[in-house]
Amino acid sequence: MVLHVDIIGYLAACLTTFSFLVQAVKSWKTKDLSGISLGMYTMFASGVALWLAYGIAIDSMPLIVTNALTLAFALSILFMKIREVRK
């Protein structure tokens, strides 16, 4: 049985995770990354990677699933930004 607290965790995680999907899709479509900070996304992706490691360490599926997805979205934006900066 899923606890009510877990439902809150899943809902919060889905909202924050899919907010990055929105940004990733916009970035992929427009190729406009002028408003994206390389430093912020580097720090953010590093933090999400640590949250993922923490979720794995404590065996928390809400943390594992959502941080794995968020990391994928954030890294895709970060890599596009790195390519833009190198041009």
N, C-alpha and C. Protein backbone atom coordinates (compact mmCIF):
# COMPACT_ATOMS: atom_id res chain seq x y z
N MET A 1 0.84 -1.17 0.00
CA MET A 1 0.00 0.00 0.00
C MET A 1 0.89 1.24 0.00
N VAL A 2 0.59 2.16 -0.87
CA VAL A 2 1.35 3.41 -0.96
C VAL A 2 0.86 4.35 0.14
N LEU A 3 1.79 4.86 0.90
CA LEU A 3 1.44 5.80 1.97
C LEU A 3 1.06 7.15 1.40
N HIS A 4 0.26 7.89 2.13
CA HIS A 4 -0.13 9.23 1.70
C HIS A 4 1.10 10.12 1.51
N VAL A 5 2.10 9.94 2.34
CA VAL A 5 3.33 10.72 2.23
C VAL A 5 4.02 10.41 0.91
N ASP A 6 4.02 9.16 0.50
CA ASP A 6 4.61 8.78 -0.78
C ASP A 6 3.87 9.43 -1.95
N ILE A 7 2.56 9.54 -1.84
CA ILE A 7 1.77 10.18 -2.90
C ILE A 7 2.19 11.64 -3.03
N ILE A 8 2.37 12.32 -1.91
CA ILE A 8 2.83 13.70 -1.93
C ILE A 8 4.22 13.77 -2.59
N GLY A 9 5.09 12.84 -2.22
CA GLY A 9 6.43 12.79 -2.81
C GLY A 9 6.39 12.57 -4.31
N TYR A 10 5.58 11.63 -4.75
CA TYR A 10 5.46 11.37 -6.19
C TYR A 10 4.90 12.58 -6.93
N LEU A 11 3.88 13.23 -6.35
CA LEU A 11 3.29 14.39 -7.00
C LEU A 11 4.30 15.53 -7.11
N ALA A 12 4.98 15.82 -6.02
CA ALA A 12 6.00 16.88 -6.03
C ALA A 12 7.10 16.54 -7.03
N ALA A 13 7.54 15.32 -7.04
CA ALA A 13 8.61 14.90 -7.93
C ALA A 13 8.18 14.98 -9.39
N CYS A 14 6.95 14.60 -9.68
CA CYS A 14 6.45 14.68 -11.06
C CYS A 14 6.39 16.12 -11.53
N LEU A 15 5.90 17.01 -10.70
CA LEU A 15 5.81 18.42 -11.09
C LEU A 15 7.18 19.01 -11.36
N THR A 16 8.14 18.77 -10.47
CA THR A 16 9.47 19.34 -10.67
C THR A 16 10.20 18.68 -11.83
N THR A 17 10.02 17.39 -11.98
CA THR A 17 10.68 16.67 -13.08
C THR A 17 10.15 17.12 -14.42
N PHE A 18 8.84 17.18 -14.56
CA PHE A 18 8.27 17.51 -15.86
C PHE A 18 8.39 19.00 -16.21
N SER A 19 8.69 19.83 -15.21
CA SER A 19 9.00 21.22 -15.54
C SER A 19 10.28 21.28 -16.36
N PHE A 20 11.21 20.37 -16.11
CA PHE A 20 12.44 20.32 -16.91
C PHE A 20 12.18 19.70 -18.28
N LEU A 21 11.20 18.83 -18.38
CA LEU A 21 10.84 18.31 -19.69
C LEU A 21 10.34 19.44 -20.58
N VAL A 22 9.54 20.33 -20.01
CA VAL A 22 9.02 21.48 -20.76
C VAL A 22 10.19 22.31 -21.29
N GLN A 23 11.18 22.59 -20.43
CA GLN A 23 12.34 23.37 -20.85
C GLN A 23 13.16 22.63 -21.91
N ALA A 24 13.32 21.33 -21.72
CA ALA A 24 14.10 20.54 -22.68
C ALA A 24 13.43 20.54 -24.05
N VAL A 25 12.13 20.33 -24.09
CA VAL A 25 11.41 20.32 -25.37
C VAL A 25 11.52 21.68 -26.05
N LYS A 26 11.35 22.75 -25.29
CA LYS A 26 11.48 24.09 -25.86
C LYS A 26 12.89 24.30 -26.41
N SER A 27 13.90 23.87 -25.67
CA SER A 27 15.29 24.03 -26.11
C SER A 27 15.56 23.21 -27.36
N TRP A 28 15.04 21.97 -27.42
CA TRP A 28 15.25 21.13 -28.60
C TRP A 28 14.60 21.75 -29.83
N LYS A 29 13.38 22.25 -29.66
CA LYS A 29 12.63 22.80 -30.79
C LYS A 29 13.21 24.11 -31.30
N THR A 30 13.51 25.03 -30.39
CA THR A 30 13.93 26.36 -30.80
C THR A 30 15.44 26.49 -31.01
N LYS A 31 16.18 25.60 -30.39
CA LYS A 31 17.66 25.68 -30.39
C LYS A 31 18.15 26.99 -29.77
N ASP A 32 17.26 27.70 -29.07
CA ASP A 32 17.62 28.96 -28.42
C ASP A 32 17.95 28.69 -26.96
N LEU A 33 19.22 28.78 -26.64
CA LEU A 33 19.68 28.55 -25.28
C LEU A 33 20.28 29.81 -24.68
N SER A 34 19.96 30.96 -25.26
CA SER A 34 20.55 32.22 -24.80
C SER A 34 20.18 32.53 -23.36
N GLY A 35 19.03 32.10 -22.91
CA GLY A 35 18.61 32.36 -21.55
C GLY A 35 19.04 31.31 -20.55
N ILE A 36 19.79 30.32 -21.01
CA ILE A 36 20.22 29.21 -20.15
C ILE A 36 21.62 29.51 -19.62
N SER A 37 21.80 29.39 -18.33
CA SER A 37 23.09 29.61 -17.69
C SER A 37 23.87 28.31 -17.63
N LEU A 38 25.07 28.31 -18.22
CA LEU A 38 25.92 27.13 -18.21
C LEU A 38 26.29 26.75 -16.77
N GLY A 39 26.65 27.74 -15.97
CA GLY A 39 27.02 27.47 -14.58
C GLY A 39 25.87 26.89 -13.78
N MET A 40 24.68 27.46 -13.95
CA MET A 40 23.52 26.98 -13.21
C MET A 40 23.18 25.55 -13.60
N TYR A 41 23.17 25.26 -14.89
CA TYR A 41 22.82 23.90 -15.31
C TYR A 41 23.89 22.89 -14.92
N THR A 42 25.14 23.29 -14.88
CA THR A 42 26.21 22.39 -14.43
C THR A 42 26.01 22.06 -12.95
N MET A 43 25.76 23.09 -12.15
CA MET A 43 25.53 22.87 -10.73
C MET A 43 24.24 22.08 -10.50
N PHE A 44 23.20 22.40 -11.25
CA PHE A 44 21.92 21.72 -11.08
C PHE A 44 22.05 20.23 -11.42
N ALA A 45 22.67 19.93 -12.56
CA ALA A 45 22.82 18.52 -12.97
C ALA A 45 23.67 17.76 -11.95
N SER A 46 24.68 18.40 -11.41
CA SER A 46 25.50 17.75 -10.37
C SER A 46 24.67 17.47 -9.13
N GLY A 47 23.86 18.44 -8.74
CA GLY A 47 22.99 18.25 -7.57
C GLY A 47 21.98 17.14 -7.79
N VAL A 48 21.39 17.09 -8.97
CA VAL A 48 20.42 16.04 -9.27
C VAL A 48 21.11 14.67 -9.27
N ALA A 49 22.33 14.60 -9.80
CA ALA A 49 23.08 13.34 -9.77
C ALA A 49 23.30 12.89 -8.33
N LEU A 50 23.59 13.82 -7.45
CA LEU A 50 23.76 13.47 -6.03
C LEU A 50 22.44 13.05 -5.39
N TRP A 51 21.32 13.71 -5.75
CA TRP A 51 20.02 13.28 -5.26
C TRP A 51 19.70 11.86 -5.74
N LEU A 52 20.07 11.57 -6.98
CA LEU A 52 19.86 10.22 -7.52
C LEU A 52 20.68 9.21 -6.72
N ALA A 53 21.94 9.53 -6.46
CA ALA A 53 22.79 8.63 -5.67
C ALA A 53 22.21 8.43 -4.26
N TYR A 54 21.71 9.50 -3.68
CA TYR A 54 21.08 9.42 -2.36
C TYR A 54 19.84 8.53 -2.41
N GLY A 55 19.01 8.73 -3.43
CA GLY A 55 17.82 7.91 -3.58
C GLY A 55 18.15 6.44 -3.72
N ILE A 56 19.21 6.14 -4.46
CA ILE A 56 19.65 4.75 -4.60
C ILE A 56 20.14 4.22 -3.26
N ALA A 57 20.91 5.04 -2.53
CA ALA A 57 21.45 4.61 -1.24
C ALA A 57 20.35 4.29 -0.23
N ILE A 58 19.26 5.05 -0.25
CA ILE A 58 18.19 4.80 0.72
C ILE A 58 17.04 4.00 0.11
N ASP A 59 17.21 3.58 -1.14
CA ASP A 59 16.23 2.76 -1.85
C ASP A 59 14.85 3.43 -1.88
N SER A 60 14.84 4.69 -2.32
CA SER A 60 13.60 5.46 -2.41
C SER A 60 13.20 5.60 -3.88
N MET A 61 12.18 4.87 -4.28
CA MET A 61 11.77 4.90 -5.68
C MET A 61 11.33 6.28 -6.16
N PRO A 62 10.61 7.09 -5.36
CA PRO A 62 10.29 8.43 -5.86
C PRO A 62 11.55 9.24 -6.19
N LEU A 63 12.57 9.15 -5.36
CA LEU A 63 13.81 9.87 -5.62
C LEU A 63 14.57 9.28 -6.81
N ILE A 64 14.61 7.98 -6.92
CA ILE A 64 15.36 7.33 -7.99
C ILE A 64 14.75 7.64 -9.35
N VAL A 65 13.46 7.37 -9.49
CA VAL A 65 12.79 7.53 -10.78
C VAL A 65 12.80 8.97 -11.25
N THR A 66 12.37 9.87 -10.38
CA THR A 66 12.24 11.25 -10.82
C THR A 66 13.59 11.93 -11.01
N ASN A 67 14.56 11.62 -10.18
CA ASN A 67 15.87 12.24 -10.37
C ASN A 67 16.61 11.66 -11.57
N ALA A 68 16.37 10.41 -11.90
CA ALA A 68 16.95 9.85 -13.13
C ALA A 68 16.38 10.57 -14.35
N LEU A 69 15.07 10.79 -14.36
CA LEU A 69 14.45 11.52 -15.47
C LEU A 69 14.91 12.97 -15.52
N THR A 70 14.90 13.64 -14.36
CA THR A 70 15.33 15.03 -14.31
C THR A 70 16.77 15.17 -14.77
N LEU A 71 17.62 14.25 -14.36
CA LEU A 71 19.03 14.29 -14.78
C LEU A 71 19.15 14.15 -16.29
N ALA A 72 18.38 13.26 -16.87
CA ALA A 72 18.42 13.09 -18.33
C ALA A 72 17.99 14.38 -19.03
N PHE A 73 16.92 15.00 -18.57
CA PHE A 73 16.45 16.25 -19.19
C PHE A 73 17.48 17.37 -19.00
N ALA A 74 17.98 17.51 -17.77
CA ALA A 74 18.94 18.58 -17.47
C ALA A 74 20.24 18.38 -18.26
N LEU A 75 20.71 17.14 -18.37
CA LEU A 75 21.94 16.88 -19.13
C LEU A 75 21.75 17.18 -20.61
N SER A 76 20.57 16.89 -21.14
CA SER A 76 20.34 17.18 -22.56
C SER A 76 20.43 18.68 -22.81
N ILE A 77 19.86 19.47 -21.90
CA ILE A 77 19.94 20.93 -22.02
C ILE A 77 21.38 21.38 -21.83
N LEU A 78 22.06 20.82 -20.84
CA LEU A 78 23.44 21.19 -20.56
C LEU A 78 24.34 20.90 -21.76
N PHE A 79 24.20 19.74 -22.36
CA PHE A 79 25.03 19.39 -23.52
C PHE A 79 24.75 20.30 -24.71
N MET A 80 23.48 20.66 -24.91
CA MET A 80 23.17 21.61 -25.99
C MET A 80 23.82 22.97 -25.70
N LYS A 81 23.79 23.39 -24.44
CA LYS A 81 24.39 24.67 -24.08
C LYS A 81 25.91 24.62 -24.26
N ILE A 82 26.54 23.53 -23.89
CA ILE A 82 27.99 23.39 -24.06
C ILE A 82 28.36 23.47 -25.54
N ARG A 83 27.58 22.80 -26.39
CA ARG A 83 27.83 22.88 -27.84
C ARG A 83 27.69 24.31 -28.35
N GLU A 84 26.67 25.02 -27.85
CA GLU A 84 26.45 26.41 -28.26
C GLU A 84 27.64 27.28 -27.83
N VAL A 85 28.12 27.11 -26.61
CA VAL A 85 29.23 27.91 -26.11
C VAL A 85 30.51 27.66 -26.91
N ARG A 86 30.72 26.42 -27.32
CA ARG A 86 31.93 26.06 -28.06
C ARG A 86 31.95 26.60 -29.48
N LYS A 87 30.79 26.95 -30.03
CA LYS A 87 30.73 27.45 -31.42
C LYS A 87 31.23 28.85 -31.52
